[in-house]
Amino acid sequence: MTDYIPTAFDFDPDERGHFGKFGGRYVPETLMPSLLELNAEYEKVRFDKAF
């Protein structure tokens, strides 16, 4: 059995949340703190095989 090591994709957002040249996050500003917290927690586990 080989280890599963996923890679980041070209369509993943950059560090500012932009997808490519123009894309971004389109959510109300009041939701941004929660969205950023959720994203930070997801980044911690996204490559975890158990997740």
Protein backbone atom coordinates (compact mmCIF):
# COMPACT_ATOMS: atom_id res chain seq x y z
CA MET A 1 0.00 0.00 0.00
CA THR A 2 1.34 3.42 -0.86
CA ASP A 3 0.93 6.57 1.17
CA TYR A 4 -1.69 9.00 -0.04
CA ILE A 5 -0.21 12.47 -0.38
CA PRO A 6 -2.64 14.87 -2.03
CA THR A 7 -1.31 17.97 -3.69
CA ALA A 8 -2.66 21.48 -3.89
CA PHE A 9 -4.51 22.13 -7.12
CA ASP A 10 -4.23 25.05 -9.46
CA PHE A 11 -7.84 25.87 -8.67
CA ASP A 12 -7.22 26.20 -4.94
CA PRO A 13 -7.47 29.79 -3.71
CA ASP A 14 -4.32 31.79 -3.08
CA GLU A 15 -3.41 33.26 0.31
CA ARG A 16 -5.98 36.06 -0.16
CA GLY A 17 -8.77 33.64 -1.07
CA HIS A 18 -8.68 34.48 -4.78
CA PHE A 19 -9.30 31.83 -7.40
CA GLY A 20 -7.20 32.78 -10.39
CA LYS A 21 -6.97 36.33 -11.63
CA PHE A 22 -10.42 37.58 -10.60
CA GLY A 23 -12.07 35.20 -8.16
CA GLY A 24 -12.56 35.84 -4.49
CA ARG A 25 -14.79 35.23 -1.52
CA TYR A 26 -18.24 36.66 -1.90
CA VAL A 27 -19.69 36.65 1.60
CA PRO A 28 -20.94 39.40 3.90
CA GLU A 29 -18.12 41.09 5.80
CA THR A 30 -19.74 40.11 9.11
CA LEU A 31 -19.14 36.43 8.23
CA MET A 32 -15.44 36.83 7.38
CA PRO A 33 -14.06 36.10 10.89
CA SER A 34 -15.99 32.83 11.03
CA LEU A 35 -15.04 31.93 7.47
CA LEU A 36 -11.36 32.60 8.16
CA GLU A 37 -11.51 30.48 11.32
CA LEU A 38 -13.19 27.64 9.43
CA ASN A 39 -10.59 27.86 6.67
CA ALA A 40 -7.72 27.76 9.16
CA GLU A 41 -9.12 24.62 10.80
CA TYR A 42 -9.72 22.99 7.41
CA GLU A 43 -6.14 23.70 6.33
CA LYS A 44 -4.91 21.85 9.43
CA VAL A 45 -6.68 18.63 8.41
CA ARG A 46 -7.15 18.75 4.64
CA PHE A 47 -4.21 16.45 3.92
CA ASP A 48 -4.87 14.14 6.87
CA LYS A 49 -5.78 10.71 5.54
CA ALA A 50 -8.17 10.18 8.47
CA PHE A 51 -10.10 13.31 7.53
